[in-house]
Amino acid sequence: MTEKVYEVAVNGGGVCGTALLYMLAEYTDIDDIILIEKYDALAKVNSNGRNNSQTLHCGDIETNYGLEKATKVKNAAVMVVNYTEALDTREHVIYKFQKVVIGVGQKECDQLRERLNNFKTVFTSLQLLEKEQVAEIEPNVVLINGEIRPEPCIALAVLDEYSAVDFNRLAEFFAQQAQTVDDKNIQIQLGSHVDKIEERDGVFSIETAQGAIKAKAAVSQ
């Protein structure tokens, strides 16, 4: 009897592993895929809300990102937002919260004004809030004993965009939808800790507690 060899084995059932599973199932001609997860459910560690801030990073208020990197990050975030549009329970997966980056002192204020000028064509929802406007939405930052602090203070803000994701639920949806793609063999094996991966003659042997899994390609997420 010929030993089963999958085309692709994905090791890791968090949001990255399940996203890859979905993309391979939906958008490639790869027909035979297995996802291996060491725990008894998907997204129990890094993608779980107890261990992850669940922030949808868009690059707009991350001041350590230049425009080039921020644009790439935004493009990836938009893909997540667009994907959730088709979900019946979207309101339980992705959420809108206001987000701001605040500058205090003339140097930081000048940096934020320059950032807005450089970023506004890509991040059209990004807006500048003067001190009085910041006090309306983040009073604890601007007010000291009920009085507006004297030094310069502004903020860059996005007030009405999706900014948080339940990555646990998102991973579950990725996996479920991957398994519904017609004419594909999509397997998910839970409770399978990978002990060793070896490649020989173009085939990967993935040793797990439930036995060896063979695949032509292996990806760890």
Protein backbone atom coordinates (compact mmCIF):
# COMPACT_ATOMS: atom_id res chain seq x y z
CA MET A 1 0.00 0.00 0.00
CA THR A 2 1.40 3.38 -1.01
CA GLU A 3 2.19 5.66 1.92
CA LYS A 4 0.15 8.87 1.97
CA VAL A 5 2.17 11.96 0.95
CA TYR A 6 0.49 15.37 1.22
CA GLU A 7 1.44 18.18 -1.11
CA VAL A 8 1.85 20.63 1.79
CA ALA A 9 1.99 20.25 5.56
CA VAL A 10 1.48 23.38 7.67
CA ASN A 11 2.83 23.14 11.20
CA GLY A 12 0.96 25.51 13.55
CA GLY A 13 -2.72 26.29 13.90
CA GLY A 14 -2.62 29.94 14.94
CA VAL A 15 -3.89 32.78 12.79
CA CYS A 16 -0.84 32.65 10.50
CA GLY A 17 -0.98 28.90 9.94
CA THR A 18 -4.72 28.86 9.33
CA ALA A 19 -4.47 31.91 7.04
CA LEU A 20 -1.88 30.05 4.97
CA LEU A 21 -4.12 26.98 4.92
CA TYR A 22 -7.03 29.07 3.65
CA MET A 23 -4.95 30.85 1.00
CA LEU A 24 -3.51 27.58 -0.32
CA ALA A 25 -6.94 25.95 -0.42
CA GLU A 26 -8.81 28.88 -1.97
CA TYR A 27 -6.28 30.45 -4.31
CA THR A 28 -3.88 27.73 -5.52
CA ASP A 29 -4.15 24.46 -7.41
CA ILE A 30 -2.73 22.55 -4.43
CA ASP A 31 -5.29 19.87 -3.63
CA ASP A 32 -3.88 17.94 -0.69
CA ILE A 33 -2.97 19.84 2.50
CA ILE A 34 -2.69 18.99 6.18
CA LEU A 35 -2.44 21.43 9.09
CA ILE A 36 -0.82 20.09 12.26
CA GLU A 37 -1.51 21.72 15.64
CA LYS A 38 0.04 20.52 18.89
CA TYR A 39 -2.88 21.63 21.09
CA ASP A 40 -6.43 20.28 21.12
CA ALA A 41 -7.86 23.41 19.48
CA LEU A 42 -6.74 26.13 17.09
CA ALA A 43 -5.15 29.42 18.15
CA LYS A 44 -4.76 28.56 21.83
CA VAL A 45 -1.44 30.33 22.42
CA ASN A 46 -0.06 33.33 20.49
CA SER A 47 -3.33 34.10 18.70
CA ASN A 48 -5.44 33.78 21.83
CA GLY A 49 -6.86 36.91 23.46
CA ARG A 50 -5.19 36.09 26.78
CA ASN A 51 -1.75 36.32 25.17
CA ASN A 52 -2.26 38.83 22.36
CA SER A 53 -3.41 42.44 22.32
CA GLN A 54 -5.62 41.60 19.30
CA THR A 55 -4.54 44.82 17.61
CA LEU A 56 -4.99 45.14 13.86
CA HIS A 57 -1.81 47.02 13.06
CA CYS A 58 -2.37 49.37 10.11
CA GLY A 59 0.89 51.34 10.23
CA ASP A 60 -0.75 54.73 10.68
CA ILE A 61 -0.02 55.45 14.36
CA GLU A 62 3.02 53.17 14.75
CA THR A 63 5.61 55.94 14.83
CA ASN A 64 8.52 53.51 14.43
CA TYR A 65 7.24 52.73 10.90
CA GLY A 66 8.33 54.77 7.93
CA LEU A 67 5.89 55.30 5.05
CA GLU A 68 7.14 52.34 3.00
CA LYS A 69 6.76 49.83 5.82
CA ALA A 70 3.50 51.41 6.99
CA THR A 71 2.03 51.05 3.50
CA LYS A 72 2.88 47.33 3.42
CA VAL A 73 1.37 46.85 6.88
CA LYS A 74 -1.78 48.69 5.82
CA ASN A 75 -2.19 46.50 2.74
CA ALA A 76 -2.06 43.37 4.91
CA ALA A 77 -4.55 44.84 7.40
CA VAL A 78 -6.97 45.73 4.59
CA MET A 79 -6.92 42.09 3.47
CA VAL A 80 -8.14 41.05 6.92
CA VAL A 81 -10.89 43.68 6.93
CA ASN A 82 -12.03 42.67 3.45
CA TYR A 83 -12.06 38.98 4.37
CA THR A 84 -14.37 39.60 7.34
CA GLU A 85 -16.95 41.35 5.16
CA ALA A 86 -18.30 37.98 4.07
CA LEU A 87 -18.64 36.57 7.60
CA ASP A 88 -22.15 36.26 9.02
CA THR A 89 -20.83 36.98 12.52
CA ARG A 90 -18.41 39.75 11.55
CA GLU A 91 -19.29 41.78 14.63
CA HIS A 92 -17.77 39.02 16.79
CA VAL A 93 -14.50 38.96 14.87
CA ILE A 94 -13.45 42.53 14.09
CA TYR A 95 -14.08 45.74 16.03
CA LYS A 96 -13.84 49.50 15.73
CA PHE A 97 -11.99 51.43 18.42
CA GLN A 98 -10.47 54.89 18.29
CA LYS A 99 -6.70 54.94 18.20
CA VAL A 100 -4.36 57.85 18.80
CA VAL A 101 -0.69 58.67 19.06
CA ILE A 102 -0.01 61.68 21.28
CA GLY A 103 2.88 64.11 21.14
CA VAL A 104 3.80 66.21 24.16
CA GLY A 105 6.32 69.03 23.83
CA GLN A 106 7.26 71.00 20.75
CA LYS A 107 9.64 68.38 19.31
CA GLU A 108 7.07 65.58 19.40
CA CYS A 109 4.32 67.84 18.09
CA ASP A 110 6.49 68.87 15.15
CA GLN A 111 7.26 65.22 14.41
CA LEU A 112 3.57 64.31 14.35
CA ARG A 113 2.70 67.24 12.09
CA GLU A 114 5.43 66.16 9.69
CA ARG A 115 4.21 62.55 9.87
CA LEU A 116 0.67 63.61 8.95
CA ASN A 117 1.98 65.58 5.99
CA ASN A 118 3.96 62.56 4.74
CA PHE A 119 1.29 59.93 5.44
CA LYS A 120 -2.01 61.64 4.60
CA THR A 121 -2.18 60.52 0.97
CA VAL A 122 -1.97 56.84 2.02
CA PHE A 123 -3.81 57.06 5.33
CA THR A 124 -6.73 59.28 4.42
CA SER A 125 -8.56 58.74 7.74
CA LEU A 126 -5.62 60.01 9.78
CA GLN A 127 -6.43 63.37 11.34
CA LEU A 128 -4.70 65.86 13.60
CA LEU A 129 -6.26 66.80 16.93
CA GLU A 130 -5.22 69.97 18.70
CA LYS A 131 -4.89 70.07 22.47
CA GLU A 132 -8.53 70.97 23.15
CA GLN A 133 -9.72 68.14 20.88
CA VAL A 134 -7.40 65.67 22.58
CA ALA A 135 -8.92 66.69 25.91
CA GLU A 136 -12.34 65.66 24.65
CA ILE A 137 -11.37 62.08 23.88
CA GLU A 138 -8.38 61.49 26.19
CA PRO A 139 -8.84 63.93 29.09
CA ASN A 140 -6.38 62.16 31.39
CA VAL A 141 -3.57 62.92 28.95
CA VAL A 142 -4.20 66.64 28.64
CA LEU A 143 -5.86 67.67 31.89
CA ILE A 144 -3.91 68.09 35.12
CA ASN A 145 -6.12 68.79 38.15
CA GLY A 146 -8.85 69.86 35.76
CA GLU A 147 -6.63 72.33 33.91
CA ILE A 148 -5.21 71.89 30.41
CA ARG A 149 -1.47 71.25 30.63
CA PRO A 150 0.62 74.22 29.45
CA GLU A 151 3.09 72.54 27.08
CA PRO A 152 2.26 71.87 23.42
CA CYS A 153 0.21 68.72 22.93
CA ILE A 154 -1.39 67.26 19.80
CA ALA A 155 -2.46 63.85 18.55
CA LEU A 156 -2.81 61.94 15.34
CA ALA A 157 -6.00 59.92 15.45
CA VAL A 158 -8.13 57.46 13.54
CA LEU A 159 -11.60 57.47 15.06
CA ASP A 160 -13.77 55.26 12.87
CA GLU A 161 -11.86 52.29 11.45
CA TYR A 162 -11.46 48.64 12.38
CA SER A 163 -8.56 48.40 14.77
CA ALA A 164 -8.97 45.14 16.72
CA VAL A 165 -9.45 41.50 15.74
CA ASP A 166 -10.31 38.37 17.67
CA PHE A 167 -7.49 36.33 16.13
CA ASN A 168 -8.74 33.16 17.81
CA ARG A 169 -12.10 33.37 16.01
CA LEU A 170 -10.43 34.52 12.81
CA ALA A 171 -8.21 31.43 12.82
CA GLU A 172 -11.25 29.22 13.30
CA PHE A 173 -12.98 30.82 10.30
CA PHE A 174 -9.89 30.42 8.12
CA ALA A 175 -9.77 26.72 8.96
CA GLN A 176 -13.49 26.15 8.49
CA GLN A 177 -13.59 27.86 5.12
CA ALA A 178 -10.48 26.06 3.90
CA GLN A 179 -12.23 22.76 4.55
CA THR A 180 -15.27 23.78 2.50
CA VAL A 181 -13.35 24.40 -0.73
CA ASP A 182 -14.62 21.99 -3.37
CA ASP A 183 -12.43 19.16 -4.66
CA LYS A 184 -9.72 19.72 -2.07
CA ASN A 185 -8.49 17.33 0.60
CA ILE A 186 -7.90 19.62 3.59
CA GLN A 187 -7.06 17.87 6.83
CA ILE A 188 -6.58 19.38 10.30
CA GLN A 189 -4.84 17.22 12.89
CA LEU A 190 -5.08 18.54 16.45
CA GLY A 191 -3.18 17.35 19.51
CA SER A 192 -0.11 16.52 17.43
CA HIS A 193 3.13 17.90 18.80
CA VAL A 194 5.83 17.86 16.13
CA ASP A 195 9.00 16.25 17.46
CA LYS A 196 11.15 16.29 14.36
CA ILE A 197 11.08 17.21 10.68
CA GLU A 198 13.46 15.56 8.23
CA GLU A 199 13.73 15.86 4.47
CA ARG A 200 14.84 12.99 2.29
CA ASP A 201 14.64 12.69 -1.50
CA GLY A 202 12.26 15.63 -1.76
CA VAL A 203 9.81 14.38 0.87
CA PHE A 204 9.49 15.74 4.41
CA SER A 205 8.87 13.32 7.25
CA ILE A 206 7.14 15.05 10.17
CA GLU A 207 7.29 13.03 13.36
CA THR A 208 4.35 13.59 15.74
CA ALA A 209 2.89 11.83 18.74
CA GLN A 210 0.25 10.38 16.41
CA GLY A 211 2.78 9.03 13.92
CA ALA A 212 4.71 10.28 10.93
CA ILE A 213 3.21 12.60 8.31
CA LYS A 214 4.77 12.82 4.85
CA ALA A 215 4.60 15.90 2.65
CA LYS A 216 6.33 17.30 -0.41
CA ALA A 217 6.55 20.70 1.31
CA ALA A 218 6.49 21.65 4.99
CA VAL A 219 5.87 25.09 6.46
CA SER A 220 6.17 26.02 10.14
CA GLN A 221 4.18 29.01 11.39
